[in-house]
Amino acid sequence: LEDRVAVVSLDFEKEDNAVTAFEL
């Protein structure tokens, strides 16, 4: 939490990020 705001980026290393966001 130090030196950050409420924005979090995830890299789904074993998945396709685009597919993951679409399915979410």
mmCIF file of all heavy atoms, coordinates in Angstrom:
data_MODEL
# 
_entry.id   MODEL 
# 
loop_
_atom_site.group_PDB 
_atom_site.id 
_atom_site.type_symbol 
_atom_site.label_atom_id 
_atom_site.label_alt_id 
_atom_site.label_comp_id 
_atom_site.label_asym_id 
_atom_site.label_entity_id 
_atom_site.label_seq_id 
_atom_site.pdbx_PDB_ins_code 
_atom_site.Cartn_x 
_atom_site.Cartn_y 
_atom_site.Cartn_z 
_atom_site.occupancy 
_atom_site.B_iso_or_equiv 
_atom_site.pdbx_formal_charge 
_atom_site.auth_seq_id 
_atom_site.auth_comp_id 
_atom_site.auth_asym_id 
_atom_site.auth_atom_id 
_atom_site.pdbx_PDB_model_num 
ATOM 1   N N   . LEU A 1 1  ? 0.793   -1.227  0.000   1.00 0.00 ? 1  LEU A N   1 
ATOM 2   C CA  . LEU A 1 1  ? 0.000   0.000   0.000   1.00 0.00 ? 1  LEU A CA  1 
ATOM 3   C C   . LEU A 1 1  ? 0.826   1.278   0.000   1.00 0.00 ? 1  LEU A C   1 
ATOM 4   O O   . LEU A 1 1  ? 0.295   2.354   -0.264  1.00 0.00 ? 1  LEU A O   1 
ATOM 5   C CB  . LEU A 1 1  ? -0.913  0.017   1.232   1.00 0.00 ? 1  LEU A CB  1 
ATOM 6   C CG  . LEU A 1 1  ? -2.045  -1.011  1.287   1.00 0.00 ? 1  LEU A CG  1 
ATOM 7   C CD1 . LEU A 1 1  ? -2.896  -0.774  2.520   1.00 0.00 ? 1  LEU A CD1 1 
ATOM 8   C CD2 . LEU A 1 1  ? -2.903  -0.959  0.027   1.00 0.00 ? 1  LEU A CD2 1 
ATOM 9   N N   . GLU A 1 2  ? 2.114   1.179   0.295   1.00 0.00 ? 2  GLU A N   1 
ATOM 10  C CA  . GLU A 1 2  ? 2.933   2.377   0.406   1.00 0.00 ? 2  GLU A CA  1 
ATOM 11  C C   . GLU A 1 2  ? 3.107   3.055   -0.947  1.00 0.00 ? 2  GLU A C   1 
ATOM 12  O O   . GLU A 1 2  ? 3.382   2.408   -1.962  1.00 0.00 ? 2  GLU A O   1 
ATOM 13  C CB  . GLU A 1 2  ? 4.306   2.024   0.980   1.00 0.00 ? 2  GLU A CB  1 
ATOM 14  C CG  . GLU A 1 2  ? 5.172   3.238   1.283   1.00 0.00 ? 2  GLU A CG  1 
ATOM 15  C CD  . GLU A 1 2  ? 6.496   2.862   1.927   1.00 0.00 ? 2  GLU A CD  1 
ATOM 16  O OE1 . GLU A 1 2  ? 6.754   1.652   2.099   1.00 0.00 ? 2  GLU A OE1 1 
ATOM 17  O OE2 . GLU A 1 2  ? 7.273   3.779   2.243   1.00 0.00 ? 2  GLU A OE2 1 
ATOM 18  N N   . ASP A 1 3  ? 2.922   4.368   -0.963  1.00 0.00 ? 3  ASP A N   1 
ATOM 19  C CA  . ASP A 1 3  ? 3.132   5.185   -2.162  1.00 0.00 ? 3  ASP A CA  1 
ATOM 20  C C   . ASP A 1 3  ? 2.308   4.697   -3.348  1.00 0.00 ? 3  ASP A C   1 
ATOM 21  O O   . ASP A 1 3  ? 2.816   4.504   -4.455  1.00 0.00 ? 3  ASP A O   1 
ATOM 22  C CB  . ASP A 1 3  ? 4.619   5.218   -2.536  1.00 0.00 ? 3  ASP A CB  1 
ATOM 23  C CG  . ASP A 1 3  ? 5.471   5.879   -1.475  1.00 0.00 ? 3  ASP A CG  1 
ATOM 24  O OD1 . ASP A 1 3  ? 4.964   6.795   -0.800  1.00 0.00 ? 3  ASP A OD1 1 
ATOM 25  O OD2 . ASP A 1 3  ? 6.626   5.479   -1.299  1.00 0.00 ? 3  ASP A OD2 1 
ATOM 26  N N   . ARG A 1 4  ? 1.016   4.526   -3.131  1.00 0.00 ? 4  ARG A N   1 
ATOM 27  C CA  . ARG A 1 4  ? 0.143   4.132   -4.226  1.00 0.00 ? 4  ARG A CA  1 
ATOM 28  C C   . ARG A 1 4  ? -1.255  4.679   -4.011  1.00 0.00 ? 4  ARG A C   1 
ATOM 29  O O   . ARG A 1 4  ? -1.614  5.092   -2.895  1.00 0.00 ? 4  ARG A O   1 
ATOM 30  C CB  . ARG A 1 4  ? 0.084   2.606   -4.364  1.00 0.00 ? 4  ARG A CB  1 
ATOM 31  C CG  . ARG A 1 4  ? -0.745  1.922   -3.281  1.00 0.00 ? 4  ARG A CG  1 
ATOM 32  C CD  . ARG A 1 4  ? -0.985  0.439   -3.577  1.00 0.00 ? 4  ARG A CD  1 
ATOM 33  N NE  . ARG A 1 4  ? -1.541  0.223   -4.893  1.00 0.00 ? 4  ARG A NE  1 
ATOM 34  C CZ  . ARG A 1 4  ? -1.049  -0.660  -5.771  1.00 0.00 ? 4  ARG A CZ  1 
ATOM 35  N NH1 . ARG A 1 4  ? -0.015  -1.410  -5.449  1.00 0.00 ? 4  ARG A NH1 1 
ATOM 36  N NH2 . ARG A 1 4  ? -1.615  -0.796  -6.955  1.00 0.00 ? 4  ARG A NH2 1 
ATOM 37  N N   . VAL A 1 5  ? -2.037  4.678   -5.082  1.00 0.00 ? 5  VAL A N   1 
ATOM 38  C CA  . VAL A 1 5  ? -3.464  4.967   -4.999  1.00 0.00 ? 5  VAL A CA  1 
ATOM 39  C C   . VAL A 1 5  ? -4.214  3.673   -5.327  1.00 0.00 ? 5  VAL A C   1 
ATOM 40  O O   . VAL A 1 5  ? -3.610  2.618   -5.531  1.00 0.00 ? 5  VAL A O   1 
ATOM 41  C CB  . VAL A 1 5  ? -3.877  6.109   -5.956  1.00 0.00 ? 5  VAL A CB  1 
ATOM 42  C CG1 . VAL A 1 5  ? -3.263  7.424   -5.511  1.00 0.00 ? 5  VAL A CG1 1 
ATOM 43  C CG2 . VAL A 1 5  ? -3.498  5.786   -7.404  1.00 0.00 ? 5  VAL A CG2 1 
ATOM 44  N N   . ALA A 1 6  ? -5.538  3.747   -5.384  1.00 0.00 ? 6  ALA A N   1 
ATOM 45  C CA  . ALA A 1 6  ? -6.371  2.541   -5.485  1.00 0.00 ? 6  ALA A CA  1 
ATOM 46  C C   . ALA A 1 6  ? -6.511  2.050   -6.925  1.00 0.00 ? 6  ALA A C   1 
ATOM 47  O O   . ALA A 1 6  ? -7.611  1.819   -7.429  1.00 0.00 ? 6  ALA A O   1 
ATOM 48  C CB  . ALA A 1 6  ? -7.739  2.814   -4.875  1.00 0.00 ? 6  ALA A CB  1 
ATOM 49  N N   . VAL A 1 7  ? -5.374  1.896   -7.593  1.00 0.00 ? 7  VAL A N   1 
ATOM 50  C CA  . VAL A 1 7  ? -5.310  1.362   -8.952  1.00 0.00 ? 7  VAL A CA  1 
ATOM 51  C C   . VAL A 1 7  ? -4.362  0.176   -8.933  1.00 0.00 ? 7  VAL A C   1 
ATOM 52  O O   . VAL A 1 7  ? -3.205  0.317   -8.521  1.00 0.00 ? 7  VAL A O   1 
ATOM 53  C CB  . VAL A 1 7  ? -4.802  2.424   -9.952  1.00 0.00 ? 7  VAL A CB  1 
ATOM 54  C CG1 . VAL A 1 7  ? -4.633  1.819   -11.342 1.00 0.00 ? 7  VAL A CG1 1 
ATOM 55  C CG2 . VAL A 1 7  ? -5.756  3.617   -10.001 1.00 0.00 ? 7  VAL A CG2 1 
ATOM 56  N N   . VAL A 1 8  ? -4.835  -0.984  -9.360  1.00 0.00 ? 8  VAL A N   1 
ATOM 57  C CA  . VAL A 1 8  ? -4.035  -2.211  -9.337  1.00 0.00 ? 8  VAL A CA  1 
ATOM 58  C C   . VAL A 1 8  ? -4.087  -2.861  -10.716 1.00 0.00 ? 8  VAL A C   1 
ATOM 59  O O   . VAL A 1 8  ? -5.168  -3.085  -11.271 1.00 0.00 ? 8  VAL A O   1 
ATOM 60  C CB  . VAL A 1 8  ? -4.554  -3.213  -8.290  1.00 0.00 ? 8  VAL A CB  1 
ATOM 61  C CG1 . VAL A 1 8  ? -3.694  -4.475  -8.284  1.00 0.00 ? 8  VAL A CG1 1 
ATOM 62  C CG2 . VAL A 1 8  ? -4.588  -2.575  -6.899  1.00 0.00 ? 8  VAL A CG2 1 
ATOM 63  N N   . SER A 1 9  ? -2.914  -3.178  -11.262 1.00 0.00 ? 9  SER A N   1 
ATOM 64  C CA  . SER A 1 9  ? -2.838  -3.864  -12.551 1.00 0.00 ? 9  SER A CA  1 
ATOM 65  C C   . SER A 1 9  ? -2.334  -5.290  -12.351 1.00 0.00 ? 9  SER A C   1 
ATOM 66  O O   . SER A 1 9  ? -1.353  -5.508  -11.644 1.00 0.00 ? 9  SER A O   1 
ATOM 67  C CB  . SER A 1 9  ? -1.887  -3.128  -13.502 1.00 0.00 ? 9  SER A CB  1 
ATOM 68  O OG  . SER A 1 9  ? -2.591  -2.274  -14.379 1.00 0.00 ? 9  SER A OG  1 
ATOM 69  N N   . LEU A 1 10 ? -3.011  -6.232  -12.992 1.00 0.00 ? 10 LEU A N   1 
ATOM 70  C CA  . LEU A 1 10 ? -2.644  -7.639  -12.898 1.00 0.00 ? 10 LEU A CA  1 
ATOM 71  C C   . LEU A 1 10 ? -2.230  -8.174  -14.258 1.00 0.00 ? 10 LEU A C   1 
ATOM 72  O O   . LEU A 1 10 ? -2.855  -7.874  -15.277 1.00 0.00 ? 10 LEU A O   1 
ATOM 73  C CB  . LEU A 1 10 ? -3.820  -8.465  -12.368 1.00 0.00 ? 10 LEU A CB  1 
ATOM 74  C CG  . LEU A 1 10 ? -4.394  -8.083  -11.000 1.00 0.00 ? 10 LEU A CG  1 
ATOM 75  C CD1 . LEU A 1 10 ? -5.509  -9.051  -10.623 1.00 0.00 ? 10 LEU A CD1 1 
ATOM 76  C CD2 . LEU A 1 10 ? -3.312  -8.041  -9.936  1.00 0.00 ? 10 LEU A CD2 1 
ATOM 77  N N   . ASP A 1 11 ? -1.181  -8.994  -14.237 1.00 0.00 ? 11 ASP A N   1 
ATOM 78  C CA  . ASP A 1 11 ? -0.743  -9.715  -15.421 1.00 0.00 ? 11 ASP A CA  1 
ATOM 79  C C   . ASP A 1 11 ? -0.991  -11.200 -15.166 1.00 0.00 ? 11 ASP A C   1 
ATOM 80  O O   . ASP A 1 11 ? -0.347  -11.810 -14.309 1.00 0.00 ? 11 ASP A O   1 
ATOM 81  C CB  . ASP A 1 11 ? 0.746   -9.450  -15.672 1.00 0.00 ? 11 ASP A CB  1 
ATOM 82  C CG  . ASP A 1 11 ? 1.235   -10.057 -16.977 1.00 0.00 ? 11 ASP A CG  1 
ATOM 83  O OD1 . ASP A 1 11 ? 0.395   -10.521 -17.776 1.00 0.00 ? 11 ASP A OD1 1 
ATOM 84  O OD2 . ASP A 1 11 ? 2.468   -10.070 -17.198 1.00 0.00 ? 11 ASP A OD2 1 
ATOM 85  N N   . PHE A 1 12 ? -1.960  -11.762 -15.885 1.00 0.00 ? 12 PHE A N   1 
ATOM 86  C CA  . PHE A 1 12 ? -2.300  -13.174 -15.734 1.00 0.00 ? 12 PHE A CA  1 
ATOM 87  C C   . PHE A 1 12 ? -1.306  -13.975 -16.570 1.00 0.00 ? 12 PHE A C   1 
ATOM 88  O O   . PHE A 1 12 ? -1.515  -14.210 -17.759 1.00 0.00 ? 12 PHE A O   1 
ATOM 89  C CB  . PHE A 1 12 ? -3.740  -13.423 -16.179 1.00 0.00 ? 12 PHE A CB  1 
ATOM 90  C CG  . PHE A 1 12 ? -4.763  -12.830 -15.257 1.00 0.00 ? 12 PHE A CG  1 
ATOM 91  C CD1 . PHE A 1 12 ? -5.030  -11.465 -15.268 1.00 0.00 ? 12 PHE A CD1 1 
ATOM 92  C CD2 . PHE A 1 12 ? -5.463  -13.629 -14.363 1.00 0.00 ? 12 PHE A CD2 1 
ATOM 93  C CE1 . PHE A 1 12 ? -5.972  -10.913 -14.406 1.00 0.00 ? 12 PHE A CE1 1 
ATOM 94  C CE2 . PHE A 1 12 ? -6.410  -13.091 -13.503 1.00 0.00 ? 12 PHE A CE2 1 
ATOM 95  C CZ  . PHE A 1 12 ? -6.659  -11.727 -13.526 1.00 0.00 ? 12 PHE A CZ  1 
ATOM 96  N N   . GLU A 1 13 ? -0.214  -14.398 -15.937 1.00 0.00 ? 13 GLU A N   1 
ATOM 97  C CA  . GLU A 1 13 ? 0.927   -14.926 -16.667 1.00 0.00 ? 13 GLU A CA  1 
ATOM 98  C C   . GLU A 1 13 ? 0.623   -16.222 -17.412 1.00 0.00 ? 13 GLU A C   1 
ATOM 99  O O   . GLU A 1 13 ? 1.285   -16.532 -18.401 1.00 0.00 ? 13 GLU A O   1 
ATOM 100 C CB  . GLU A 1 13 ? 2.101   -15.112 -15.707 1.00 0.00 ? 13 GLU A CB  1 
ATOM 101 C CG  . GLU A 1 13 ? 2.596   -13.789 -15.113 1.00 0.00 ? 13 GLU A CG  1 
ATOM 102 C CD  . GLU A 1 13 ? 3.766   -13.949 -14.169 1.00 0.00 ? 13 GLU A CD  1 
ATOM 103 O OE1 . GLU A 1 13 ? 3.896   -15.031 -13.569 1.00 0.00 ? 13 GLU A OE1 1 
ATOM 104 O OE2 . GLU A 1 13 ? 4.552   -12.989 -14.031 1.00 0.00 ? 13 GLU A OE2 1 
ATOM 105 N N   . LYS A 1 14 ? -0.351  -16.987 -16.968 1.00 0.00 ? 14 LYS A N   1 
ATOM 106 C CA  . LYS A 1 14 ? -0.698  -18.248 -17.627 1.00 0.00 ? 14 LYS A CA  1 
ATOM 107 C C   . LYS A 1 14 ? -1.983  -18.135 -18.451 1.00 0.00 ? 14 LYS A C   1 
ATOM 108 O O   . LYS A 1 14 ? -2.462  -19.130 -18.996 1.00 0.00 ? 14 LYS A O   1 
ATOM 109 C CB  . LYS A 1 14 ? -0.860  -19.363 -16.582 1.00 0.00 ? 14 LYS A CB  1 
ATOM 110 C CG  . LYS A 1 14 ? 0.402   -19.644 -15.772 1.00 0.00 ? 14 LYS A CG  1 
ATOM 111 C CD  . LYS A 1 14 ? 1.546   -20.117 -16.674 1.00 0.00 ? 14 LYS A CD  1 
ATOM 112 C CE  . LYS A 1 14 ? 2.785   -20.453 -15.838 1.00 0.00 ? 14 LYS A CE  1 
ATOM 113 N NZ  . LYS A 1 14 ? 3.910   -20.892 -16.704 1.00 0.00 ? 14 LYS A NZ  1 
ATOM 114 N N   . GLU A 1 15 ? -2.540  -16.942 -18.502 1.00 0.00 ? 15 GLU A N   1 
ATOM 115 C CA  . GLU A 1 15 ? -3.783  -16.718 -19.229 1.00 0.00 ? 15 GLU A CA  1 
ATOM 116 C C   . GLU A 1 15 ? -3.579  -15.569 -20.212 1.00 0.00 ? 15 GLU A C   1 
ATOM 117 O O   . GLU A 1 15 ? -2.594  -14.825 -20.138 1.00 0.00 ? 15 GLU A O   1 
ATOM 118 C CB  . GLU A 1 15 ? -4.927  -16.362 -18.268 1.00 0.00 ? 15 GLU A CB  1 
ATOM 119 C CG  . GLU A 1 15 ? -5.021  -17.216 -17.021 1.00 0.00 ? 15 GLU A CG  1 
ATOM 120 C CD  . GLU A 1 15 ? -5.466  -18.632 -17.293 1.00 0.00 ? 15 GLU A CD  1 
ATOM 121 O OE1 . GLU A 1 15 ? -6.160  -18.830 -18.313 1.00 0.00 ? 15 GLU A OE1 1 
ATOM 122 O OE2 . GLU A 1 15 ? -5.121  -19.529 -16.502 1.00 0.00 ? 15 GLU A OE2 1 
ATOM 123 N N   . ASP A 1 16 ? -4.502  -15.411 -21.117 1.00 0.00 ? 16 ASP A N   1 
ATOM 124 C CA  . ASP A 1 16 ? -4.531  -14.238 -21.992 1.00 0.00 ? 16 ASP A CA  1 
ATOM 125 C C   . ASP A 1 16 ? -5.269  -13.135 -21.251 1.00 0.00 ? 16 ASP A C   1 
ATOM 126 O O   . ASP A 1 16 ? -6.432  -13.291 -20.871 1.00 0.00 ? 16 ASP A O   1 
ATOM 127 C CB  . ASP A 1 16 ? -5.238  -14.590 -23.305 1.00 0.00 ? 16 ASP A CB  1 
ATOM 128 C CG  . ASP A 1 16 ? -5.174  -13.458 -24.317 1.00 0.00 ? 16 ASP A CG  1 
ATOM 129 O OD1 . ASP A 1 16 ? -5.603  -12.340 -23.978 1.00 0.00 ? 16 ASP A OD1 1 
ATOM 130 O OD2 . ASP A 1 16 ? -4.703  -13.706 -25.439 1.00 0.00 ? 16 ASP A OD2 1 
ATOM 131 N N   . ASN A 1 17 ? -4.596  -12.008 -21.021 1.00 0.00 ? 17 ASN A N   1 
ATOM 132 C CA  . ASN A 1 17 ? -5.215  -10.921 -20.264 1.00 0.00 ? 17 ASN A CA  1 
ATOM 133 C C   . ASN A 1 17 ? -6.513  -10.436 -20.895 1.00 0.00 ? 17 ASN A C   1 
ATOM 134 O O   . ASN A 1 17 ? -7.482  -10.121 -20.197 1.00 0.00 ? 17 ASN A O   1 
ATOM 135 C CB  . ASN A 1 17 ? -4.235  -9.746  -20.136 1.00 0.00 ? 17 ASN A CB  1 
ATOM 136 C CG  . ASN A 1 17 ? -3.103  -10.028 -19.171 1.00 0.00 ? 17 ASN A CG  1 
ATOM 137 O OD1 . ASN A 1 17 ? -3.251  -10.804 -18.230 1.00 0.00 ? 17 ASN A OD1 1 
ATOM 138 N ND2 . ASN A 1 17 ? -1.957  -9.410  -19.403 1.00 0.00 ? 17 ASN A ND2 1 
ATOM 139 N N   . ALA A 1 18 ? -6.539  -10.388 -22.218 1.00 0.00 ? 18 ALA A N   1 
ATOM 140 C CA  . ALA A 1 18 ? -7.742  -9.909  -22.908 1.00 0.00 ? 18 ALA A CA  1 
ATOM 141 C C   . ALA A 1 18 ? -8.907  -10.855 -22.683 1.00 0.00 ? 18 ALA A C   1 
ATOM 142 O O   . ALA A 1 18 ? -10.037 -10.431 -22.410 1.00 0.00 ? 18 ALA A O   1 
ATOM 143 C CB  . ALA A 1 18 ? -7.459  -9.756  -24.401 1.00 0.00 ? 18 ALA A CB  1 
ATOM 144 N N   . VAL A 1 19 ? -8.636  -12.159 -22.789 1.00 0.00 ? 19 VAL A N   1 
ATOM 145 C CA  . VAL A 1 19 ? -9.693  -13.144 -22.570 1.00 0.00 ? 19 VAL A CA  1 
ATOM 146 C C   . VAL A 1 19 ? -10.176 -13.088 -21.126 1.00 0.00 ? 19 VAL A C   1 
ATOM 147 O O   . VAL A 1 19 ? -11.384 -13.150 -20.850 1.00 0.00 ? 19 VAL A O   1 
ATOM 148 C CB  . VAL A 1 19 ? -9.190  -14.568 -22.914 1.00 0.00 ? 19 VAL A CB  1 
ATOM 149 C CG1 . VAL A 1 19 ? -10.209 -15.613 -22.468 1.00 0.00 ? 19 VAL A CG1 1 
ATOM 150 C CG2 . VAL A 1 19 ? -8.932  -14.689 -24.403 1.00 0.00 ? 19 VAL A CG2 1 
ATOM 151 N N   . THR A 1 20 ? -9.242  -12.962 -20.203 1.00 0.00 ? 20 THR A N   1 
ATOM 152 C CA  . THR A 1 20 ? -9.606  -12.923 -18.783 1.00 0.00 ? 20 THR A CA  1 
ATOM 153 C C   . THR A 1 20 ? -10.531 -11.744 -18.485 1.00 0.00 ? 20 THR A C   1 
ATOM 154 O O   . THR A 1 20 ? -11.565 -11.892 -17.817 1.00 0.00 ? 20 THR A O   1 
ATOM 155 C CB  . THR A 1 20 ? -8.347  -12.834 -17.909 1.00 0.00 ? 20 THR A CB  1 
ATOM 156 O OG1 . THR A 1 20 ? -7.523  -13.977 -18.155 1.00 0.00 ? 20 THR A OG1 1 
ATOM 157 C CG2 . THR A 1 20 ? -8.712  -12.781 -16.435 1.00 0.00 ? 20 THR A CG2 1 
ATOM 158 N N   . ALA A 1 21 ? -10.172 -10.545 -18.971 1.00 0.00 ? 21 ALA A N   1 
ATOM 159 C CA  . ALA A 1 21 ? -11.006 -9.368  -18.735 1.00 0.00 ? 21 ALA A CA  1 
ATOM 160 C C   . ALA A 1 21 ? -12.370 -9.531  -19.396 1.00 0.00 ? 21 ALA A C   1 
ATOM 161 O O   . ALA A 1 21 ? -13.406 -9.171  -18.814 1.00 0.00 ? 21 ALA A O   1 
ATOM 162 C CB  . ALA A 1 21 ? -10.310 -8.116  -19.260 1.00 0.00 ? 21 ALA A CB  1 
ATOM 163 N N   . PHE A 1 22 ? -12.377 -10.091 -20.592 1.00 0.00 ? 22 PHE A N   1 
ATOM 164 C CA  . PHE A 1 22 ? -13.629 -10.296 -21.316 1.00 0.00 ? 22 PHE A CA  1 
ATOM 165 C C   . PHE A 1 22 ? -14.542 -11.249 -20.548 1.00 0.00 ? 22 PHE A C   1 
ATOM 166 O O   . PHE A 1 22 ? -15.741 -11.001 -20.377 1.00 0.00 ? 22 PHE A O   1 
ATOM 167 C CB  . PHE A 1 22 ? -13.310 -10.850 -22.705 1.00 0.00 ? 22 PHE A CB  1 
ATOM 168 C CG  . PHE A 1 22 ? -14.511 -11.041 -23.589 1.00 0.00 ? 22 PHE A CG  1 
ATOM 169 C CD1 . PHE A 1 22 ? -15.244 -9.955  -24.031 1.00 0.00 ? 22 PHE A CD1 1 
ATOM 170 C CD2 . PHE A 1 22 ? -14.899 -12.311 -23.983 1.00 0.00 ? 22 PHE A CD2 1 
ATOM 171 C CE1 . PHE A 1 22 ? -16.342 -10.128 -24.870 1.00 0.00 ? 22 PHE A CE1 1 
ATOM 172 C CE2 . PHE A 1 22 ? -15.995 -12.496 -24.811 1.00 0.00 ? 22 PHE A CE2 1 
ATOM 173 C CZ  . PHE A 1 22 ? -16.716 -11.406 -25.253 1.00 0.00 ? 22 PHE A CZ  1 
ATOM 174 N N   . GLU A 1 23 ? -13.981 -12.347 -20.050 1.00 0.00 ? 23 GLU A N   1 
ATOM 175 C CA  . GLU A 1 23 ? -14.788 -13.333 -19.339 1.00 0.00 ? 23 GLU A CA  1 
ATOM 176 C C   . GLU A 1 23 ? -15.221 -12.818 -17.961 1.00 0.00 ? 23 GLU A C   1 
ATOM 177 O O   . GLU A 1 23 ? -16.312 -13.158 -17.493 1.00 0.00 ? 23 GLU A O   1 
ATOM 178 C CB  . GLU A 1 23 ? -14.016 -14.638 -19.211 1.00 0.00 ? 23 GLU A CB  1 
ATOM 179 C CG  . GLU A 1 23 ? -13.821 -15.332 -20.553 1.00 0.00 ? 23 GLU A CG  1 
ATOM 180 C CD  . GLU A 1 23 ? -13.164 -16.683 -20.423 1.00 0.00 ? 23 GLU A CD  1 
ATOM 181 O OE1 . GLU A 1 23 ? -12.506 -16.933 -19.394 1.00 0.00 ? 23 GLU A OE1 1 
ATOM 182 O OE2 . GLU A 1 23 ? -13.304 -17.489 -21.360 1.00 0.00 ? 23 GLU A OE2 1 
ATOM 183 N N   . LEU A 1 24 ? -14.396 -12.011 -17.320 1.00 0.00 ? 24 LEU A N   1 
ATOM 184 C CA  . LEU A 1 24 ? -14.812 -11.416 -16.049 1.00 0.00 ? 24 LEU A CA  1 
ATOM 185 C C   . LEU A 1 24 ? -16.081 -10.590 -16.237 1.00 0.00 ? 24 LEU A C   1 
ATOM 186 O O   . LEU A 1 24 ? -16.984 -10.617 -15.395 1.00 0.00 ? 24 LEU A O   1 
ATOM 187 C CB  . LEU A 1 24 ? -13.700 -10.533 -15.479 1.00 0.00 ? 24 LEU A CB  1 
ATOM 188 C CG  . LEU A 1 24 ? -12.570 -11.224 -14.729 1.00 0.00 ? 24 LEU A CG  1 
ATOM 189 C CD1 . LEU A 1 24 ? -11.462 -10.238 -14.381 1.00 0.00 ? 24 LEU A CD1 1 
ATOM 190 C CD2 . LEU A 1 24 ? -13.091 -11.893 -13.452 1.00 0.00 ? 24 LEU A CD2 1 
# 
